Structure formats: structure tokens, C-alpha cells
Amino acid sequence: MFGLVVPIAIVTTLAMLCIDRLGYGEWTFVPFNFFKFNVLEGKDKLYGEHPWSWYFSQGYPAIVGTTLPIAIAGYLTVPPSKKDLGRVILWALFVYSNAAHKEFRFVLPLLPPAIVYSGYCLRNLERKLYVQFRDRTQWNLLRLAVFSVILPNVLTAYYLSRSHQRAPVEVMDYLADRIQENPEASIHFWTPCHATPYYSYLHQNVSMWFPDCSPANRERTDGCESHQLERDPRRFLTNLYHLDGVVRDSISMELPTYVVTYSTIAAKIRPLLANTHFVEAASFFHSDVSGDADSSEVVSKMLVYKRE
């Protein structure tokens, strides 16, 4: 096994180094850069901090969902020789928990092992192998388990894929059509950074801008551009475009052809939009509930404004 793995590791590492050399223009080892930034320098905190226990209390349970009780039952009843996957899950969660910044997506690779143990539990119920229960009880438990897995996941999948926060994709489809008519158009996103897809949806050499939330920008004492926009959009935009006639730096940004923003932000800058001759061109449903742990505001729509 070792003789098989080592050549593969060497070839893939060399390929990675060469590809990164072409992309970055210099030799670099990205995995070490990642480790240095997040662990040695601790700069992952710039993107938010969570309690040490977050993955155990919220992160992983949310990923596994209603399958969690079945997965636990499966793990507890498998033979000792088949518990290695469960130990890997626990070990990984303990390791990830040492990082200050935590996200659901970081533990997504730990979902398949949980599904394996869930399948083991369902198989035992289907074959009536849990001798501590009567056959009829096992059959009822199997029906309940299957129902509790399928129904919530189907409903959740439909809502999240068809309704919740769908506006960013619809906005970019709309803009893609508009810039076909006007290739010289420019687009600015008055939203938190990375709120929509970018060139991957437009496939046009069009000028675009969104607030900077890079690590260097997040280290500023007054916060990154994205946070400044959310905190006081009128003041931030006035300073950005020098709308009050005061030049604060050497960079002068011109007002764009199109502006994309949330309904919550638009409500705070209506006079600014009117004074700069922006009119609402399109409105897209975004969400029924707040998806931000730091704010209770519901962003119901994403709006597109065009400058007349």
C-alpha cells in the first residue's frame, strides 16, 4: 500500500506545484500558505469566531440533520471492527474545533461516514436484527426512520434549491441579457462582498466592482468595505463616489450603469439613489427569513437599479 501511495503523492504534488507556478507567477506551496495563514498567524479570526464546541453542538448536527439519531444508533450497534469511520468523524471534529473560524462546509466531508452508519441501522431494522425489540416494533421503527429521513430532506431540498436566496442567480441572468444590449455598461454591487456570482455568469469583459473583504482590508481599524457598507451605506457610498464633492483619496470611482443591492440597503439610501438618477429596473425575490446570524433583518428582495 505504501509503495502505491507514495508515487501518486509525488506526482500530484509536483503537478500542483507546476500549476501554481503558472497561476501565481512564482514558486509557492499553497497547503503551507493555508496552514500559515489560518493556524500559525491565526488570521482565520478575521472571518468570524465560534465557540470551541460549535461543531459538536450546531455544525455537524445541522449537516447530518434528521439522519443523526439513526447514524448514532448504527454506530453503537456495529461490530467493533467497523467503528473506525466513527472514530475518524470524532477525531476530525476535535481537530477542526481548534480553529477559531468555523463553517458548515468544512465538515461536509464527514457526512458520508454518517450515512454509512445510518444505512447499517436501517438494514438491521429491515432484517429485524435488533432482538431487544419485537418484530412489529422494528417494522414501525423502520417506517418512522425512513419517513424522518426522506420527508424533511425532500422539503428542505426543494425550498433551498427553488426559493431561498435564489435572487443572485436571477440577477446575473438578467444582467447578462442587459449587457448584450450595452457592452459598455458597468455594474457595481452595493451588497456585502461575494453576494452574487461574478464573471462565471456574464462571460463578458464588462467592468464590475463589489466591496473589498480581503484579509488585508479586514484588518483596517474601521472595518473592511463590506462591513462599512452594511453599517452605514449612505456614508460609505458618499465617500466612495465623492458625492459630497470632497476628495478623500487619489482614487475616484465613477457611478456605474447598473447597481445591484438588497432591499434592506436600498431602503436606507433612497434619497441617494434619487439624487444620482438611479431608477429601479428589476426586482427579484430573495428570502422569507433572515439568513444572517448577525442581523435579524429579512432581505426579501434583490434589486437592480439603472442610471438614467
Protein backbone atom coordinates (compact mmCIF):
# COMPACT_ATOMS: atom_id res chain seq x y z
CA MET A 1 0.00 0.00 0.00
CA PHE A 2 2.78 2.43 0.93
CA GLY A 3 4.57 1.76 -2.36
CA LEU A 4 1.36 2.53 -4.23
CA VAL A 5 0.53 5.74 -2.37
CA VAL A 6 3.96 7.42 -2.41
CA PRO A 7 4.37 7.63 -6.23
CA ILE A 8 0.84 9.04 -6.55
CA ALA A 9 1.57 11.62 -3.83
CA ILE A 10 4.82 12.68 -5.52
CA VAL A 11 3.25 13.05 -8.97
CA THR A 12 0.21 15.00 -7.71
CA THR A 13 2.37 17.29 -5.55
CA LEU A 14 4.68 18.08 -8.46
CA ALA A 15 1.69 18.74 -10.71
CA MET A 16 0.21 21.07 -8.08
CA LEU A 17 3.50 22.97 -7.76
CA CYS A 18 3.77 23.44 -11.53
CA ILE A 19 0.15 24.57 -11.90
CA ASP A 20 0.51 27.05 -9.02
CA ARG A 21 3.77 28.30 -10.56
CA LEU A 22 1.86 29.15 -13.73
CA GLY A 23 -1.03 30.71 -11.83
CA TYR A 24 0.89 32.79 -9.27
CA GLY A 25 3.98 33.54 -11.36
CA GLU A 26 6.28 32.22 -8.64
CA TRP A 27 7.00 29.01 -6.80
CA THR A 28 4.71 28.54 -3.82
CA PHE A 29 3.31 25.70 -1.72
CA VAL A 30 -0.36 26.53 -1.22
CA PRO A 31 -1.13 23.96 1.53
CA PHE A 32 1.59 25.50 3.71
CA ASN A 33 0.34 29.01 2.93
CA PHE A 34 -3.11 27.91 4.06
CA PHE A 35 -1.70 26.42 7.27
CA LYS A 36 0.40 29.52 7.92
CA PHE A 37 -2.50 31.96 7.41
CA ASN A 38 -5.11 30.05 9.40
CA VAL A 39 -3.06 28.34 12.13
CA LEU A 40 0.33 30.00 12.61
CA GLU A 41 -0.93 33.56 12.10
CA GLY A 42 -4.48 32.91 13.32
CA LYS A 43 -5.98 35.18 10.68
CA ASP A 44 -8.98 32.93 10.19
CA LYS A 45 -10.47 35.01 13.04
CA LEU A 46 -10.91 37.85 10.56
CA TYR A 47 -13.85 35.93 9.11
CA GLY A 48 -15.60 35.38 12.44
CA GLU A 49 -15.16 33.27 15.56
CA HIS A 50 -17.24 30.48 17.05
CA PRO A 51 -17.15 28.65 20.41
CA TRP A 52 -14.93 25.59 20.61
CA SER A 53 -17.95 23.27 20.86
CA TRP A 54 -19.76 24.72 17.82
CA TYR A 55 -19.12 21.76 15.50
CA PHE A 56 -20.50 19.34 18.10
CA SER A 57 -23.48 21.42 19.18
CA GLN A 58 -24.51 23.00 15.87
CA GLY A 59 -22.22 22.49 12.87
CA TYR A 60 -22.20 18.71 12.44
CA PRO A 61 -25.77 18.08 13.68
CA ALA A 62 -27.03 20.61 11.12
CA ILE A 63 -25.11 18.87 8.33
CA VAL A 64 -26.34 15.38 9.22
CA GLY A 65 -29.84 16.62 10.01
CA THR A 66 -32.60 14.15 10.83
CA THR A 67 -30.26 11.30 9.95
CA LEU A 68 -28.23 11.92 13.13
CA PRO A 69 -30.22 9.66 15.54
CA ILE A 70 -30.14 6.81 13.03
CA ALA A 71 -26.41 7.31 12.43
CA ILE A 72 -25.71 7.21 16.18
CA ALA A 73 -27.81 4.06 16.56
CA GLY A 74 -25.94 2.47 13.68
CA TYR A 75 -22.55 3.35 15.13
CA LEU A 76 -23.46 1.99 18.57
CA THR A 77 -24.60 -1.34 17.14
CA VAL A 78 -21.91 -2.09 14.55
CA PRO A 79 -19.19 -4.61 15.43
CA PRO A 80 -16.02 -3.08 16.94
CA SER A 81 -14.14 -3.75 13.70
CA LYS A 82 -16.46 -1.34 11.85
CA LYS A 83 -16.19 1.63 14.21
CA ASP A 84 -13.15 3.19 12.54
CA LEU A 85 -15.25 5.59 10.44
CA GLY A 86 -16.93 6.87 13.59
CA ARG A 87 -13.57 7.45 15.23
CA VAL A 88 -12.46 9.40 12.15
CA ILE A 89 -15.53 11.64 12.47
CA LEU A 90 -14.83 12.37 16.14
CA TRP A 91 -11.11 12.91 15.53
CA ALA A 92 -11.79 15.32 12.65
CA LEU A 93 -14.37 17.27 14.67
CA PHE A 94 -11.91 17.64 17.56
CA VAL A 95 -9.19 18.87 15.18
CA TYR A 96 -11.49 21.31 13.37
CA SER A 97 -12.77 22.61 16.70
CA ASN A 98 -9.35 24.09 17.49
CA ALA A 99 -9.78 26.65 14.71
CA ALA A 100 -11.41 29.92 15.70
CA HIS A 101 -13.33 30.26 12.42
CA LYS A 102 -15.84 27.51 11.71
CA GLU A 103 -18.22 26.86 8.84
CA PHE A 104 -20.73 24.16 7.93
CA ARG A 105 -18.96 23.41 4.66
CA PHE A 106 -15.76 22.47 6.46
CA VAL A 107 -17.39 19.33 7.88
CA LEU A 108 -19.32 18.29 4.77
CA PRO A 109 -16.73 15.54 4.01
CA LEU A 110 -17.81 13.94 7.30
CA LEU A 111 -21.38 13.43 6.08
CA PRO A 112 -20.83 10.22 4.02
CA PRO A 113 -19.50 8.21 7.02
CA ALA A 114 -22.64 9.16 8.97
CA ILE A 115 -24.76 7.94 6.05
CA VAL A 116 -22.93 4.62 6.16
CA TYR A 117 -23.88 4.08 9.81
CA SER A 118 -27.44 5.19 9.07
CA GLY A 119 -27.65 2.56 6.37
CA TYR A 120 -26.40 -0.06 8.80
CA CYS A 121 -29.14 0.85 11.28
CA LEU A 122 -31.87 0.78 8.61
CA ARG A 123 -30.65 -2.58 7.33
CA ASN A 124 -30.82 -4.07 10.82
CA LEU A 125 -34.35 -2.77 11.30
CA GLU A 126 -35.40 -4.09 7.90
CA ARG A 127 -33.98 -7.54 8.70
CA LYS A 128 -35.33 -7.40 12.27
CA LEU A 129 -31.88 -7.93 13.78
CA TYR A 130 -32.46 -5.83 16.91
CA VAL A 131 -33.53 -8.69 19.14
CA GLN A 132 -34.37 -6.37 22.05
CA PHE A 133 -37.43 -5.20 20.05
CA ARG A 134 -40.37 -7.21 18.79
CA ASP A 135 -40.65 -7.67 15.03
CA ARG A 136 -43.65 -5.35 14.82
CA THR A 137 -41.80 -2.67 16.80
CA GLN A 138 -38.79 -2.90 14.49
CA TRP A 139 -41.05 -2.54 11.45
CA ASN A 140 -42.65 0.58 12.92
CA LEU A 141 -39.23 1.99 13.80
CA LEU A 142 -38.05 1.37 10.24
CA ARG A 143 -41.03 3.21 8.79
CA LEU A 144 -40.52 6.09 11.21
CA ALA A 145 -36.79 6.27 10.41
CA VAL A 146 -37.32 6.27 6.64
CA PHE A 147 -40.09 8.86 6.96
CA SER A 148 -37.95 11.11 9.18
CA VAL A 149 -35.09 10.99 6.68
CA ILE A 150 -36.94 11.36 3.38
CA LEU A 151 -39.68 13.90 4.11
CA PRO A 152 -37.58 16.63 5.82
CA ASN A 153 -34.81 16.31 3.25
CA VAL A 154 -37.18 16.48 0.27
CA LEU A 155 -38.97 19.54 1.65
CA THR A 156 -35.72 21.25 2.63
CA ALA A 157 -34.05 20.47 -0.69
CA TYR A 158 -37.00 21.86 -2.63
CA TYR A 159 -37.18 25.07 -0.60
CA LEU A 160 -33.44 25.73 -0.58
CA SER A 161 -32.93 24.95 -4.27
CA ARG A 162 -36.07 26.60 -5.66
CA SER A 163 -36.84 29.53 -3.37
CA HIS A 164 -34.43 30.52 -0.60
CA GLN A 165 -31.83 33.12 -1.67
CA ARG A 166 -32.39 32.49 -5.36
CA ALA A 167 -32.08 36.15 -6.36
CA PRO A 168 -28.30 36.25 -7.02
CA VAL A 169 -28.58 33.81 -9.92
CA GLU A 170 -31.65 35.53 -11.38
CA VAL A 171 -29.95 38.91 -11.09
CA MET A 172 -26.91 37.73 -13.02
CA ASP A 173 -29.08 36.17 -15.72
CA TYR A 174 -30.90 39.49 -16.04
CA LEU A 175 -27.65 41.47 -16.25
CA ALA A 176 -26.19 39.05 -18.79
CA ASP A 177 -29.06 39.93 -21.12
CA ARG A 178 -28.74 43.66 -20.46
CA ILE A 179 -25.03 43.86 -21.25
CA GLN A 180 -25.61 42.05 -24.53
CA GLU A 181 -27.55 45.18 -25.50
CA ASN A 182 -24.96 47.53 -23.98
CA PRO A 183 -21.43 46.00 -23.83
CA GLU A 184 -20.03 49.27 -22.45
CA ALA A 185 -22.19 49.06 -19.32
CA SER A 186 -20.63 48.88 -15.87
CA ILE A 187 -22.04 47.10 -12.81
CA HIS A 188 -21.43 47.83 -9.14
CA PHE A 189 -22.70 45.64 -6.33
CA TRP A 190 -23.84 47.61 -3.29
CA THR A 191 -24.09 44.42 -1.27
CA PRO A 192 -21.81 42.53 1.10
CA CYS A 193 -18.88 41.01 -0.79
CA HIS A 194 -19.45 37.90 -2.91
CA ALA A 195 -23.24 38.19 -2.68
CA THR A 196 -23.68 37.07 -6.29
CA PRO A 197 -21.79 35.06 -8.91
CA TYR A 198 -19.43 37.17 -10.98
CA TYR A 199 -17.90 36.69 -14.41
CA SER A 200 -18.82 33.00 -14.36
CA TYR A 201 -22.38 34.03 -15.25
CA LEU A 202 -21.75 37.00 -17.52
CA HIS A 203 -18.93 35.76 -19.76
CA GLN A 204 -18.38 39.34 -20.90
CA ASN A 205 -15.48 41.76 -20.49
CA VAL A 206 -17.59 44.23 -18.54
CA SER A 207 -16.43 46.50 -15.71
CA MET A 208 -17.70 45.33 -12.32
CA TRP A 209 -16.98 46.13 -8.67
CA PHE A 210 -18.01 44.91 -5.23
CA PRO A 211 -16.84 45.87 -1.70
CA ASP A 212 -13.44 44.52 -0.71
CA CYS A 213 -13.46 41.99 2.12
CA SER A 214 -9.97 40.55 1.61
CA PRO A 215 -7.86 39.74 4.70
CA ALA A 216 -5.79 42.90 4.31
CA ASN A 217 -8.94 45.00 4.06
CA ARG A 218 -10.50 43.29 7.08
CA GLU A 219 -7.53 44.33 9.23
CA ARG A 220 -8.40 48.03 8.85
CA THR A 221 -9.42 49.78 12.06
CA ASP A 222 -12.68 51.00 10.51
CA GLY A 223 -13.52 47.56 9.10
CA CYS A 224 -13.50 46.24 5.56
CA GLU A 225 -15.51 47.90 2.80
CA SER A 226 -18.19 45.25 3.04
CA HIS A 227 -18.75 45.93 6.74
CA GLN A 228 -18.68 49.70 6.21
CA LEU A 229 -21.41 49.38 3.59
CA GLU A 230 -23.61 47.30 5.87
CA ARG A 231 -23.02 49.60 8.85
CA ASP A 232 -23.73 52.92 7.11
CA PRO A 233 -24.45 52.54 3.38
CA ARG A 234 -25.21 56.22 2.75
CA ARG A 235 -21.94 57.42 4.26
CA PHE A 236 -19.87 54.69 2.62
CA LEU A 237 -21.26 55.33 -0.86
CA THR A 238 -20.98 59.10 -0.47
CA ASN A 239 -17.29 58.72 0.35
CA LEU A 240 -16.71 56.09 -2.34
CA TYR A 241 -18.06 58.19 -5.21
CA HIS A 242 -17.20 61.62 -3.69
CA LEU A 243 -20.87 62.58 -3.88
CA ASP A 244 -20.36 65.42 -1.42
CA GLY A 245 -17.59 66.92 -3.55
CA VAL A 246 -14.88 66.12 -1.01
CA VAL A 247 -11.94 64.12 -2.41
CA ARG A 248 -10.55 61.93 0.36
CA ASP A 249 -8.03 59.91 -1.66
CA SER A 250 -6.45 59.72 -5.10
CA ILE A 251 -8.88 57.06 -6.30
CA SER A 252 -12.06 58.41 -7.87
CA MET A 253 -14.74 55.87 -8.70
CA GLU A 254 -17.38 56.80 -11.23
CA LEU A 255 -21.03 55.88 -10.83
CA PRO A 256 -21.91 52.75 -12.83
CA THR A 257 -24.63 51.97 -15.34
CA TYR A 258 -26.23 49.35 -13.11
CA VAL A 259 -26.34 48.92 -9.35
CA VAL A 260 -27.30 45.72 -7.56
CA THR A 261 -28.34 45.95 -3.92
CA TYR A 262 -30.53 44.39 -1.25
CA SER A 263 -33.95 45.78 -0.39
CA THR A 264 -32.74 46.45 3.17
CA ILE A 265 -29.86 48.61 1.91
CA ALA A 266 -31.98 50.34 -0.74
CA ALA A 267 -34.44 51.45 1.95
CA LYS A 268 -31.62 53.35 3.68
CA ILE A 269 -30.31 55.13 0.57
CA ARG A 270 -33.43 56.12 -1.37
CA PRO A 271 -32.53 59.85 -1.41
CA LEU A 272 -29.02 58.98 -2.61
CA LEU A 273 -30.43 56.81 -5.41
CA ALA A 274 -32.77 59.58 -6.49
CA ASN A 275 -30.07 62.26 -6.40
CA THR A 276 -27.75 60.13 -8.56
CA HIS A 277 -30.57 59.41 -11.07
CA PHE A 278 -30.88 55.68 -10.43
CA VAL A 279 -34.29 54.12 -11.10
CA GLU A 280 -35.38 50.60 -10.23
CA ALA A 281 -35.07 48.37 -13.29
CA ALA A 282 -35.81 44.94 -11.82
CA SER A 283 -36.74 43.24 -8.56
CA PHE A 284 -36.11 39.61 -7.61
CA PHE A 285 -37.39 37.62 -4.65
CA HIS A 286 -34.58 36.63 -2.31
CA SER A 287 -35.67 35.21 1.04
CA ASP A 288 -38.51 34.73 3.52
CA VAL A 289 -36.24 34.59 6.56
CA SER A 290 -33.02 36.14 7.80
CA GLY A 291 -30.01 34.07 6.80
CA ASP A 292 -27.51 36.13 8.79
CA ALA A 293 -26.73 35.27 12.39
CA ASP A 294 -25.56 38.85 12.96
CA SER A 295 -28.76 40.51 11.75
CA SER A 296 -32.47 39.85 12.17
CA GLU A 297 -33.35 41.85 9.04
CA VAL A 298 -35.04 39.81 6.33
CA VAL A 299 -33.59 40.56 2.89
CA SER A 300 -36.77 39.92 0.94
CA LYS A 301 -35.57 41.20 -2.44
CA MET A 302 -32.51 41.90 -4.52
CA LEU A 303 -32.91 45.00 -6.65
CA VAL A 304 -31.28 46.22 -9.86
CA TYR A 305 -31.10 49.97 -10.48
CA LYS A 306 -30.18 51.62 -13.77
CA ARG A 307 -28.75 55.11 -14.08
CA GLU A 308 -30.79 57.32 -16.37
